[in-house]
């Protein structure tokens, strides 16, 4: 099984078709599907990062090689791999495209926020919320950027939560994602300079 069994406590299963995926998603709880292309640099990177995760990670990981499985990525409009799809109780919650750091994957699998850097003396830690949707590439870019800066954040998938989507529009007057709420100030899109300004980082 791709040589990762000895490293992870997570349950792993190769998926050969979309009907088989649906069968696995019918059970309750959180599950992850990694769509990858064996032999491609980015996919090998993702598999390697997941392989190196701490053995305490406990999750259900389904694996599908798009070289062999051709009826899954089209259903979810995935046009590039690797892509890690997060499902909860059978519903798609998030899509993480590309190869990410081990801490990013650990956070995704465990559902925990990233450990934030300690604020400068006398400064309060910023409250950060990122509004996202599963198919939003720029949403992943914002999250990866915050992670790289050691910023802890809450994520809200507006596609799965209409009430929070309405709240987001009330705050910014705009429907597009990503939107990042930093202590009540909204940044629409991936505006690195504005994010840095509000977080007081360089």
N, C-alpha and C. Protein backbone atom coordinates (compact mmCIF):
# COMPACT_ATOMS: atom_id res chain seq x y z
N UNK A 1 0.85 -1.20 0.00
CA UNK A 1 0.00 0.00 0.00
C UNK A 1 0.87 1.24 0.00
N UNK A 2 1.61 1.45 -1.07
CA UNK A 2 2.40 2.65 -1.27
C UNK A 2 3.47 2.86 -0.22
N UNK A 3 3.73 1.82 0.59
CA UNK A 3 4.80 1.89 1.55
C UNK A 3 4.56 2.82 2.73
N UNK A 4 3.30 3.19 3.01
CA UNK A 4 3.09 4.13 4.11
C UNK A 4 2.46 3.46 5.33
N UNK A 5 2.15 2.17 5.26
CA UNK A 5 1.48 1.51 6.37
C UNK A 5 2.26 1.57 7.67
N UNK A 6 3.56 1.38 7.59
CA UNK A 6 4.33 1.29 8.82
C UNK A 6 4.49 2.64 9.51
N UNK A 7 4.15 3.73 8.84
CA UNK A 7 4.35 5.04 9.41
C UNK A 7 3.11 5.62 10.07
N UNK A 8 1.94 5.21 9.61
CA UNK A 8 0.72 5.87 10.06
C UNK A 8 -0.23 4.90 10.75
N UNK A 9 -0.94 5.42 11.75
CA UNK A 9 -1.97 4.62 12.37
C UNK A 9 -3.28 4.76 11.60
N UNK A 10 -3.32 5.68 10.64
CA UNK A 10 -4.58 5.89 9.92
C UNK A 10 -4.95 4.65 9.10
N UNK A 11 -6.23 4.44 9.00
CA UNK A 11 -6.72 3.35 8.16
C UNK A 11 -6.62 3.79 6.71
N UNK A 12 -6.11 2.91 5.87
CA UNK A 12 -5.90 3.27 4.47
C UNK A 12 -6.57 2.23 3.56
N UNK A 13 -7.04 2.71 2.45
CA UNK A 13 -7.68 1.79 1.50
C UNK A 13 -7.56 2.34 0.09
N UNK A 14 -7.15 1.48 -0.84
CA UNK A 14 -7.12 1.85 -2.25
C UNK A 14 -8.53 1.81 -2.82
N UNK A 15 -8.91 2.86 -3.52
CA UNK A 15 -10.24 2.95 -4.14
C UNK A 15 -10.07 2.79 -5.65
N UNK A 16 -10.89 1.94 -6.24
CA UNK A 16 -10.75 1.64 -7.66
C UNK A 16 -11.83 2.25 -8.54
N UNK A 17 -12.89 2.83 -7.91
CA UNK A 17 -13.97 3.40 -8.72
C UNK A 17 -14.81 4.35 -7.87
N UNK A 18 -15.61 5.18 -8.54
CA UNK A 18 -16.50 6.10 -7.84
C UNK A 18 -17.55 5.37 -7.00
N UNK A 19 -18.18 4.29 -7.53
CA UNK A 19 -19.13 3.55 -6.69
C UNK A 19 -18.49 3.01 -5.42
N UNK A 20 -17.23 2.57 -5.51
CA UNK A 20 -16.53 2.08 -4.32
C UNK A 20 -16.29 3.22 -3.33
N UNK A 21 -15.99 4.40 -3.86
CA UNK A 21 -15.82 5.57 -3.00
C UNK A 21 -17.12 5.87 -2.25
N UNK A 22 -18.23 5.89 -2.98
CA UNK A 22 -19.52 6.18 -2.35
C UNK A 22 -19.83 5.17 -1.26
N UNK A 23 -19.50 3.92 -1.50
CA UNK A 23 -19.73 2.87 -0.51
C UNK A 23 -18.97 3.17 0.79
N UNK A 24 -17.75 3.67 0.64
CA UNK A 24 -16.94 4.00 1.82
C UNK A 24 -17.43 5.27 2.50
N UNK A 25 -17.98 6.20 1.72
CA UNK A 25 -18.44 7.45 2.30
C UNK A 25 -19.80 7.33 2.97
N UNK A 26 -20.49 6.21 2.73
CA UNK A 26 -21.81 6.00 3.33
C UNK A 26 -21.74 5.87 4.85
N UNK A 27 -20.55 5.50 5.35
CA UNK A 27 -20.41 5.37 6.80
C UNK A 27 -20.20 6.77 7.39
N UNK A 28 -20.65 6.95 8.63
CA UNK A 28 -20.56 8.27 9.25
C UNK A 28 -19.12 8.60 9.64
N UNK A 29 -18.90 9.86 9.93
CA UNK A 29 -17.57 10.29 10.36
C UNK A 29 -16.81 11.01 9.27
N UNK A 30 -15.57 11.36 9.60
CA UNK A 30 -14.71 12.11 8.69
C UNK A 30 -13.81 11.16 7.93
N UNK A 31 -13.69 11.39 6.63
CA UNK A 31 -12.82 10.58 5.78
C UNK A 31 -12.10 11.49 4.80
N UNK A 32 -10.96 11.02 4.34
CA UNK A 32 -10.16 11.78 3.38
C UNK A 32 -9.88 10.92 2.16
N UNK A 33 -9.88 11.56 1.00
CA UNK A 33 -9.54 10.89 -0.24
C UNK A 33 -8.36 11.63 -0.86
N UNK A 34 -7.27 10.92 -1.12
CA UNK A 34 -6.13 11.51 -1.80
C UNK A 34 -6.14 11.04 -3.25
N UNK A 35 -6.40 11.99 -4.14
CA UNK A 35 -6.29 11.72 -5.57
C UNK A 35 -4.86 12.07 -5.99
N UNK A 36 -4.18 11.12 -6.58
CA UNK A 36 -2.78 11.35 -6.94
C UNK A 36 -2.46 10.66 -8.26
N UNK A 37 -1.31 10.99 -8.80
CA UNK A 37 -0.83 10.37 -10.04
C UNK A 37 0.55 9.82 -9.76
N UNK A 38 0.61 8.52 -9.62
CA UNK A 38 1.87 7.87 -9.26
C UNK A 38 2.95 8.22 -10.28
N UNK A 39 4.11 8.66 -9.76
CA UNK A 39 5.21 9.00 -10.65
C UNK A 39 5.34 10.48 -10.93
N UNK A 40 4.30 11.27 -10.60
CA UNK A 40 4.41 12.72 -10.83
C UNK A 40 5.08 13.36 -9.61
N UNK A 41 5.83 14.42 -9.86
CA UNK A 41 6.63 15.04 -8.80
C UNK A 41 5.77 15.53 -7.64
N UNK A 42 4.69 16.24 -7.95
CA UNK A 42 3.84 16.79 -6.90
C UNK A 42 3.12 15.70 -6.11
N UNK A 43 2.65 14.67 -6.80
CA UNK A 43 1.97 13.57 -6.11
C UNK A 43 2.94 12.82 -5.21
N UNK A 44 4.14 12.56 -5.72
CA UNK A 44 5.15 11.87 -4.91
C UNK A 44 5.51 12.72 -3.68
N UNK A 45 5.53 14.04 -3.87
CA UNK A 45 5.79 14.96 -2.76
C UNK A 45 4.71 14.82 -1.69
N UNK A 46 3.43 14.82 -2.11
CA UNK A 46 2.33 14.70 -1.16
C UNK A 46 2.38 13.37 -0.42
N UNK A 47 2.62 12.29 -1.15
CA UNK A 47 2.70 10.97 -0.52
C UNK A 47 3.85 10.91 0.47
N UNK A 48 4.97 11.53 0.11
CA UNK A 48 6.13 11.54 0.99
C UNK A 48 5.84 12.32 2.27
N UNK A 49 5.17 13.46 2.13
CA UNK A 49 4.85 14.28 3.32
C UNK A 49 3.89 13.53 4.24
N UNK A 50 2.91 12.88 3.66
CA UNK A 50 1.95 12.12 4.47
C UNK A 50 2.67 10.95 5.13
N UNK A 51 3.60 10.35 4.41
CA UNK A 51 4.36 9.21 4.93
C UNK A 51 5.15 9.59 6.17
N UNK A 52 5.59 10.84 6.21
CA UNK A 52 6.43 11.29 7.31
C UNK A 52 5.67 11.83 8.52
N UNK A 53 4.34 11.75 8.45
CA UNK A 53 3.55 12.25 9.58
C UNK A 53 3.77 11.43 10.83
N UNK A 54 3.56 12.07 11.97
CA UNK A 54 3.68 11.39 13.25
C UNK A 54 2.71 10.21 13.32
N UNK A 55 3.15 9.15 13.96
CA UNK A 55 2.34 7.93 14.04
C UNK A 55 1.06 8.12 14.85
N UNK A 56 0.95 9.24 15.55
CA UNK A 56 -0.27 9.46 16.35
C UNK A 56 -1.46 9.90 15.51
N UNK A 57 -1.22 10.23 14.24
CA UNK A 57 -2.32 10.66 13.38
C UNK A 57 -3.29 9.51 13.20
N UNK A 58 -4.55 9.77 13.45
CA UNK A 58 -5.57 8.73 13.34
C UNK A 58 -6.68 9.24 12.43
N UNK A 59 -6.75 8.71 11.22
CA UNK A 59 -7.76 9.15 10.26
C UNK A 59 -8.00 8.03 9.26
N UNK A 60 -9.06 8.16 8.50
CA UNK A 60 -9.34 7.22 7.41
C UNK A 60 -8.92 7.88 6.10
N UNK A 61 -7.96 7.27 5.43
CA UNK A 61 -7.43 7.81 4.18
C UNK A 61 -7.71 6.85 3.04
N UNK A 62 -8.47 7.33 2.07
CA UNK A 62 -8.75 6.57 0.85
C UNK A 62 -7.80 7.07 -0.23
N UNK A 63 -7.28 6.16 -1.04
CA UNK A 63 -6.28 6.51 -2.04
C UNK A 63 -6.75 6.12 -3.43
N UNK A 64 -6.63 7.04 -4.38
CA UNK A 64 -7.03 6.73 -5.75
C UNK A 64 -6.01 7.31 -6.72
N UNK A 65 -5.38 6.43 -7.49
CA UNK A 65 -4.41 6.83 -8.50
C UNK A 65 -5.16 7.13 -9.79
N UNK A 66 -5.11 8.38 -10.25
CA UNK A 66 -5.88 8.77 -11.44
C UNK A 66 -5.36 8.10 -12.71
N UNK A 67 -4.19 7.48 -12.64
CA UNK A 67 -3.72 6.67 -13.77
C UNK A 67 -4.63 5.48 -14.00
N UNK A 68 -5.22 4.99 -12.89
CA UNK A 68 -6.05 3.79 -12.94
C UNK A 68 -7.53 4.07 -12.70
N UNK A 69 -7.82 5.09 -11.90
CA UNK A 69 -9.20 5.40 -11.54
C UNK A 69 -9.60 6.69 -12.25
N UNK A 70 -10.51 6.59 -13.18
CA UNK A 70 -10.81 7.74 -14.03
C UNK A 70 -12.22 8.32 -13.84
N UNK A 71 -12.97 7.78 -12.88
CA UNK A 71 -14.36 8.24 -12.74
C UNK A 71 -14.61 8.99 -11.43
N UNK A 72 -13.53 9.39 -10.72
CA UNK A 72 -13.72 10.12 -9.47
C UNK A 72 -13.42 11.60 -9.63
N UNK A 73 -12.24 11.91 -10.18
CA UNK A 73 -11.84 13.32 -10.24
C UNK A 73 -12.80 14.17 -11.06
N UNK A 74 -13.43 13.56 -12.07
CA UNK A 74 -14.38 14.33 -12.90
C UNK A 74 -15.63 14.72 -12.11
N UNK A 75 -16.04 13.86 -11.17
CA UNK A 75 -17.24 14.15 -10.37
C UNK A 75 -17.03 15.40 -9.53
N UNK A 76 -15.80 15.59 -9.04
CA UNK A 76 -15.52 16.72 -8.14
C UNK A 76 -14.77 17.85 -8.85
N UNK A 77 -14.76 17.79 -10.19
CA UNK A 77 -14.11 18.84 -11.00
C UNK A 77 -12.65 19.05 -10.61
N UNK A 78 -11.95 17.97 -10.34
CA UNK A 78 -10.53 18.03 -10.02
C UNK A 78 -9.74 17.91 -11.32
N UNK A 79 -9.05 18.98 -11.69
CA UNK A 79 -8.28 18.95 -12.94
C UNK A 79 -6.77 18.94 -12.72
N UNK A 80 -6.36 18.87 -11.45
CA UNK A 80 -4.94 18.72 -11.15
C UNK A 80 -4.78 17.92 -9.86
N UNK A 81 -3.74 17.11 -9.82
CA UNK A 81 -3.46 16.30 -8.64
C UNK A 81 -2.01 16.56 -8.23
N UNK A 82 -1.70 16.33 -6.95
CA UNK A 82 -2.52 15.68 -5.93
C UNK A 82 -3.60 16.62 -5.39
N UNK A 83 -4.67 16.00 -4.92
CA UNK A 83 -5.74 16.74 -4.27
C UNK A 83 -6.26 15.90 -3.11
N UNK A 84 -6.30 16.50 -1.94
CA UNK A 84 -6.82 15.82 -0.76
C UNK A 84 -8.23 16.33 -0.50
N UNK A 85 -9.20 15.44 -0.57
CA UNK A 85 -10.61 15.80 -0.38
C UNK A 85 -11.04 15.36 1.01
N UNK A 86 -11.65 16.27 1.73
CA UNK A 86 -12.13 15.97 3.08
C UNK A 86 -13.65 15.81 3.05
N UNK A 87 -14.12 14.68 3.56
CA UNK A 87 -15.56 14.40 3.63
C UNK A 87 -15.98 14.25 5.08
N UNK A 88 -17.17 14.74 5.38
CA UNK A 88 -17.74 14.51 6.71
C UNK A 88 -19.16 14.02 6.55
N UNK A 89 -19.41 12.85 7.10
CA UNK A 89 -20.72 12.20 6.97
C UNK A 89 -21.17 12.12 5.51
N UNK A 90 -20.21 11.83 4.64
CA UNK A 90 -20.50 11.64 3.22
C UNK A 90 -20.51 12.89 2.38
N UNK A 91 -20.39 14.07 3.02
CA UNK A 91 -20.44 15.33 2.27
C UNK A 91 -19.05 15.93 2.14
N UNK A 92 -18.76 16.45 0.94
CA UNK A 92 -17.48 17.08 0.69
C UNK A 92 -17.39 18.39 1.47
N UNK A 93 -16.31 18.54 2.24
CA UNK A 93 -16.12 19.73 3.07
C UNK A 93 -15.01 20.63 2.54
N UNK A 94 -13.90 20.03 2.13
CA UNK A 94 -12.76 20.83 1.68
C UNK A 94 -11.97 20.07 0.63
N UNK A 95 -11.26 20.83 -0.19
CA UNK A 95 -10.32 20.27 -1.16
C UNK A 95 -9.00 21.01 -0.99
N UNK A 96 -7.94 20.26 -0.74
CA UNK A 96 -6.60 20.83 -0.60
C UNK A 96 -5.78 20.37 -1.79
N UNK A 97 -5.47 21.30 -2.70
CA UNK A 97 -4.76 20.93 -3.92
C UNK A 97 -3.26 21.15 -3.76
N UNK A 98 -2.48 20.30 -4.43
CA UNK A 98 -1.04 20.45 -4.42
C UNK A 98 -0.39 19.70 -3.27
N UNK A 99 0.94 19.85 -3.17
CA UNK A 99 1.71 19.24 -2.10
C UNK A 99 1.88 20.26 -0.99
N UNK A 100 1.54 19.87 0.24
CA UNK A 100 1.62 20.77 1.39
C UNK A 100 2.66 20.28 2.39
N UNK A 101 2.91 21.08 3.41
CA UNK A 101 3.85 20.68 4.45
C UNK A 101 3.24 19.60 5.33
N UNK A 102 4.10 18.91 6.08
CA UNK A 102 3.61 17.86 6.98
C UNK A 102 2.67 18.45 8.03
N UNK A 103 2.98 19.64 8.54
CA UNK A 103 2.13 20.24 9.56
C UNK A 103 0.76 20.60 8.99
N UNK A 104 0.73 20.98 7.71
CA UNK A 104 -0.55 21.27 7.07
C UNK A 104 -1.41 20.00 7.02
N UNK A 105 -0.80 18.89 6.57
CA UNK A 105 -1.55 17.64 6.49
C UNK A 105 -1.97 17.16 7.88
N UNK A 106 -1.08 17.30 8.84
CA UNK A 106 -1.43 16.89 10.21
C UNK A 106 -2.62 17.67 10.72
N UNK A 107 -2.64 18.97 10.43
CA UNK A 107 -3.75 19.81 10.85
C UNK A 107 -5.05 19.40 10.15
N UNK A 108 -4.93 19.10 8.85
CA UNK A 108 -6.12 18.68 8.08
C UNK A 108 -6.68 17.37 8.63
N UNK A 109 -5.81 16.40 8.89
CA UNK A 109 -6.26 15.09 9.35
C UNK A 109 -6.84 15.12 10.76
N UNK A 110 -6.26 15.95 11.62
CA UNK A 110 -6.70 15.96 13.01
C UNK A 110 -7.77 17.00 13.29
N UNK A 111 -7.94 17.96 12.34
CA UNK A 111 -8.95 18.99 12.54
C UNK A 111 -8.55 20.04 13.55
N UNK A 112 -7.24 20.15 13.81
CA UNK A 112 -6.76 21.14 14.77
C UNK A 112 -6.18 22.33 14.04
N UNK A 113 -6.17 23.45 14.69
CA UNK A 113 -5.55 24.65 14.12
C UNK A 113 -4.04 24.56 14.21
N UNK A 114 -3.38 25.41 13.48
CA UNK A 114 -1.94 25.46 13.54
C UNK A 114 -1.49 26.17 14.81
N UNK A 115 -0.34 25.78 15.33
CA UNK A 115 0.22 26.46 16.48
C UNK A 115 0.74 27.82 16.03
N UNK A 116 0.27 28.86 16.66
CA UNK A 116 0.66 30.19 16.22
C UNK A 116 1.94 30.64 16.91
N UNK A 117 2.64 31.54 16.25
CA UNK A 117 3.82 32.12 16.86
C UNK A 117 3.37 33.04 17.99
N UNK A 118 4.23 33.19 18.99
CA UNK A 118 3.87 34.02 20.13
C UNK A 118 3.86 35.49 19.70
N UNK A 119 2.79 36.21 20.02
CA UNK A 119 2.75 37.63 19.65
C UNK A 119 3.84 38.40 20.36
N UNK A 120 4.25 39.51 19.77
CA UNK A 120 5.26 40.35 20.40
C UNK A 120 4.75 40.82 21.76
N UNK A 121 5.68 41.11 22.64
CA UNK A 121 5.30 41.51 24.00
C UNK A 121 4.36 42.71 23.97
N UNK A 122 3.29 42.58 24.75
CA UNK A 122 2.34 43.68 24.82
C UNK A 122 1.28 43.65 23.73
N UNK A 123 1.41 42.70 22.80
CA UNK A 123 0.43 42.61 21.71
C UNK A 123 -0.43 41.36 21.87
N UNK A 124 -1.69 41.53 21.55
CA UNK A 124 -2.63 40.42 21.66
C UNK A 124 -2.61 39.59 20.38
N UNK A 125 -2.83 38.28 20.53
CA UNK A 125 -2.91 37.42 19.34
C UNK A 125 -4.13 37.80 18.52
N UNK A 126 -3.95 37.90 17.22
CA UNK A 126 -5.04 38.29 16.33
C UNK A 126 -6.04 37.15 16.19
N UNK A 127 -7.31 37.52 16.09
CA UNK A 127 -8.35 36.52 15.82
C UNK A 127 -8.55 36.46 14.29
N UNK A 128 -8.27 35.31 13.72
CA UNK A 128 -8.28 35.16 12.26
C UNK A 128 -9.26 34.09 11.83
N UNK A 129 -10.13 34.44 10.90
CA UNK A 129 -11.08 33.48 10.32
C UNK A 129 -10.96 33.55 8.81
N UNK A 130 -10.83 32.40 8.17
CA UNK A 130 -10.75 32.35 6.71
C UNK A 130 -12.02 31.70 6.18
N UNK A 131 -12.74 32.42 5.34
CA UNK A 131 -13.94 31.90 4.68
C UNK A 131 -13.52 31.25 3.37
N UNK A 132 -13.91 30.00 3.17
CA UNK A 132 -13.44 29.24 2.02
C UNK A 132 -14.58 28.47 1.36
N UNK A 133 -14.25 27.84 0.22
CA UNK A 133 -15.14 26.85 -0.40
C UNK A 133 -14.25 25.72 -0.91
N UNK A 134 -14.81 24.52 -1.09
CA UNK A 134 -13.99 23.35 -1.41
C UNK A 134 -13.18 23.45 -2.70
N UNK A 135 -13.68 24.16 -3.71
CA UNK A 135 -13.00 24.17 -5.00
C UNK A 135 -12.16 25.42 -5.22
N UNK A 136 -11.90 26.18 -4.17
CA UNK A 136 -11.22 27.47 -4.27
C UNK A 136 -9.71 27.31 -4.10
N UNK A 137 -8.96 27.47 -5.19
CA UNK A 137 -7.51 27.34 -5.14
C UNK A 137 -6.87 28.45 -4.31
N UNK A 138 -7.36 29.69 -4.44
CA UNK A 138 -6.79 30.80 -3.69
C UNK A 138 -7.04 30.66 -2.20
N UNK A 139 -8.11 29.97 -1.83
CA UNK A 139 -8.37 29.71 -0.40
C UNK A 139 -7.22 28.90 0.19
N UNK A 140 -6.79 27.88 -0.56
CA UNK A 140 -5.66 27.06 -0.10
C UNK A 140 -4.39 27.89 -0.01
N UNK A 141 -4.23 28.83 -0.96
CA UNK A 141 -3.04 29.68 -0.94
C UNK A 141 -3.02 30.55 0.32
N UNK A 142 -4.17 31.10 0.70
CA UNK A 142 -4.25 31.91 1.92
C UNK A 142 -3.91 31.07 3.13
N UNK A 143 -4.49 29.87 3.21
CA UNK A 143 -4.26 29.01 4.37
C UNK A 143 -2.80 28.60 4.46
N UNK A 144 -2.19 28.26 3.33
CA UNK A 144 -0.78 27.88 3.33
C UNK A 144 0.09 29.06 3.76
N UNK A 145 -0.27 30.26 3.33
CA UNK A 145 0.50 31.44 3.70
C UNK A 145 0.43 31.68 5.20
N UNK A 146 -0.76 31.60 5.76
CA UNK A 146 -0.92 31.79 7.20
C UNK A 146 -0.15 30.73 7.97
N UNK A 147 -0.22 29.50 7.49
CA UNK A 147 0.52 28.42 8.15
C UNK A 147 2.01 28.71 8.13
N UNK A 148 2.50 29.15 6.97
CA UNK A 148 3.92 29.45 6.84
C UNK A 148 4.38 30.55 7.78
N UNK A 149 3.46 31.44 8.14
CA UNK A 149 3.78 32.53 9.06
C UNK A 149 3.50 32.15 10.52
N UNK A 150 3.03 30.93 10.74
CA UNK A 150 2.74 30.48 12.10
C UNK A 150 1.49 31.09 12.68
N UNK A 151 0.54 31.48 11.83
CA UNK A 151 -0.69 32.13 12.28
C UNK A 151 -1.80 31.09 12.43
N UNK A 152 -2.38 31.04 13.62
CA UNK A 152 -3.50 30.14 13.85
C UNK A 152 -4.78 30.79 13.32
N UNK A 153 -5.65 29.99 12.73
CA UNK A 153 -6.88 30.55 12.17
C UNK A 153 -8.01 29.54 12.26
N UNK A 154 -9.22 30.05 12.20
CA UNK A 154 -10.41 29.20 12.07
C UNK A 154 -10.83 29.23 10.61
N UNK A 155 -11.32 28.11 10.12
CA UNK A 155 -11.78 28.04 8.73
C UNK A 155 -13.27 27.78 8.68
N UNK A 156 -13.97 28.52 7.82
CA UNK A 156 -15.40 28.30 7.63
C UNK A 156 -15.66 28.02 6.16
N UNK A 157 -16.19 26.85 5.87
CA UNK A 157 -16.54 26.46 4.51
C UNK A 157 -17.95 26.99 4.22
N UNK A 158 -18.02 28.09 3.49
CA UNK A 158 -19.32 28.74 3.26
C UNK A 158 -20.22 27.92 2.35
N UNK A 159 -19.63 27.02 1.55
CA UNK A 159 -20.46 26.18 0.67
C UNK A 159 -21.28 25.20 1.50
N UNK A 160 -20.78 24.85 2.67
CA UNK A 160 -21.48 23.88 3.52
C UNK A 160 -22.28 24.56 4.63
N UNK A 161 -22.18 25.89 4.72
CA UNK A 161 -22.82 26.59 5.82
C UNK A 161 -23.43 27.91 5.32
N UNK A 162 -24.67 27.85 4.79
CA UNK A 162 -25.32 29.05 4.23
C UNK A 162 -25.42 30.21 5.21
N UNK A 163 -25.63 29.91 6.48
CA UNK A 163 -25.75 30.97 7.48
C UNK A 163 -24.44 31.74 7.59
N UNK A 164 -23.32 31.02 7.58
CA UNK A 164 -22.03 31.68 7.66
C UNK A 164 -21.69 32.41 6.36
N UNK A 165 -22.20 31.89 5.24
CA UNK A 165 -22.01 32.57 3.96
C UNK A 165 -22.71 33.93 3.99
N UNK A 166 -23.91 33.95 4.56
CA UNK A 166 -24.65 35.22 4.69
C UNK A 166 -23.91 36.18 5.61
N UNK A 167 -23.36 35.64 6.69
CA UNK A 167 -22.60 36.48 7.63
C UNK A 167 -21.40 37.11 6.92
N UNK A 168 -20.72 36.31 6.10
CA UNK A 168 -19.56 36.80 5.36
C UNK A 168 -19.94 37.95 4.43
N UNK A 169 -21.05 37.78 3.71
CA UNK A 169 -21.51 38.82 2.78
C UNK A 169 -21.91 40.08 3.54
N UNK A 170 -22.51 39.91 4.71
CA UNK A 170 -22.87 41.08 5.54
C UNK A 170 -21.63 41.87 5.94
N UNK A 171 -20.56 41.14 6.24
CA UNK A 171 -19.32 41.79 6.68
C UNK A 171 -18.63 42.56 5.55
N UNK A 172 -18.59 41.93 4.37
CA UNK A 172 -17.76 42.49 3.30
C UNK A 172 -18.55 43.08 2.14
N UNK A 173 -19.82 42.67 2.01
CA UNK A 173 -20.61 43.09 0.86
C UNK A 173 -20.27 42.30 -0.40
N UNK A 174 -19.44 41.25 -0.27
CA UNK A 174 -19.03 40.46 -1.42
C UNK A 174 -19.22 38.98 -1.15
N UNK A 175 -19.45 38.23 -2.23
CA UNK A 175 -19.74 36.80 -2.10
C UNK A 175 -18.53 35.92 -2.35
N UNK A 176 -17.52 36.44 -3.06
CA UNK A 176 -16.38 35.62 -3.45
C UNK A 176 -15.51 35.21 -2.28
N UNK A 177 -14.84 34.07 -2.42
CA UNK A 177 -13.86 33.60 -1.45
C UNK A 177 -12.52 33.46 -2.15
N UNK A 178 -11.42 33.51 -1.42
CA UNK A 178 -11.34 33.57 0.04
C UNK A 178 -11.61 34.96 0.59
N UNK A 179 -12.08 34.99 1.82
CA UNK A 179 -12.14 36.22 2.59
C UNK A 179 -11.54 35.91 3.95
N UNK A 180 -10.71 36.82 4.43
CA UNK A 180 -10.04 36.62 5.71
C UNK A 180 -10.44 37.73 6.67
N UNK A 181 -11.00 37.32 7.79
CA UNK A 181 -11.42 38.25 8.83
C UNK A 181 -10.30 38.30 9.88
N UNK A 182 -9.65 39.45 10.00
CA UNK A 182 -8.58 39.63 10.97
C UNK A 182 -9.02 40.68 11.97
N UNK A 183 -9.43 40.22 13.14
CA UNK A 183 -9.94 41.12 14.18
C UNK A 183 -11.02 42.06 13.66
N UNK A 184 -11.92 41.51 12.82
CA UNK A 184 -13.05 42.29 12.34
C UNK A 184 -12.81 43.05 11.05
N UNK A 185 -11.58 43.05 10.57
CA UNK A 185 -11.27 43.71 9.29
C UNK A 185 -11.18 42.64 8.21
N UNK A 186 -11.85 42.87 7.08
CA UNK A 186 -11.98 41.86 6.04
C UNK A 186 -10.99 42.09 4.91
N UNK A 187 -10.32 41.01 4.52
CA UNK A 187 -9.45 41.03 3.34
C UNK A 187 -10.08 40.10 2.31
N UNK A 188 -10.46 40.64 1.16
CA UNK A 188 -11.07 39.84 0.10
C UNK A 188 -9.96 39.37 -0.85
N UNK A 189 -9.95 38.08 -1.14
CA UNK A 189 -8.92 37.53 -2.01
C UNK A 189 -7.62 37.30 -1.26
N UNK A 190 -6.58 36.93 -1.97
CA UNK A 190 -5.27 36.69 -1.36
C UNK A 190 -4.42 37.96 -1.53
N UNK A 191 -4.69 38.93 -0.66
CA UNK A 191 -3.96 40.21 -0.67
C UNK A 191 -2.88 40.13 0.42
N UNK A 192 -1.71 39.63 0.01
CA UNK A 192 -0.64 39.36 0.97
C UNK A 192 -0.23 40.62 1.74
N UNK A 193 -0.11 41.74 1.05
CA UNK A 193 0.32 42.97 1.72
C UNK A 193 -0.67 43.42 2.79
N UNK A 194 -1.96 43.33 2.46
CA UNK A 194 -2.99 43.74 3.44
C UNK A 194 -3.03 42.77 4.62
N UNK A 195 -2.89 41.48 4.34
CA UNK A 195 -2.86 40.48 5.41
C UNK A 195 -1.68 40.75 6.34
N UNK A 196 -0.51 41.00 5.75
CA UNK A 196 0.68 41.31 6.56
C UNK A 196 0.46 42.56 7.42
N UNK A 197 -0.16 43.57 6.80
CA UNK A 197 -0.41 44.82 7.52
C UNK A 197 -1.31 44.60 8.74
N UNK A 198 -2.39 43.85 8.53
CA UNK A 198 -3.34 43.63 9.62
C UNK A 198 -2.78 42.71 10.69
N UNK A 199 -1.93 41.75 10.27
CA UNK A 199 -1.33 40.83 11.24
C UNK A 199 -0.06 41.40 11.87
N UNK A 200 0.38 42.52 11.31
CA UNK A 200 1.62 43.16 11.79
C UNK A 200 2.81 42.22 11.69
N UNK A 201 2.92 41.60 10.51
CA UNK A 201 4.04 40.71 10.24
C UNK A 201 4.75 41.16 8.98
N UNK A 202 5.98 40.70 8.79
CA UNK A 202 6.76 41.10 7.64
C UNK A 202 7.28 39.87 6.90
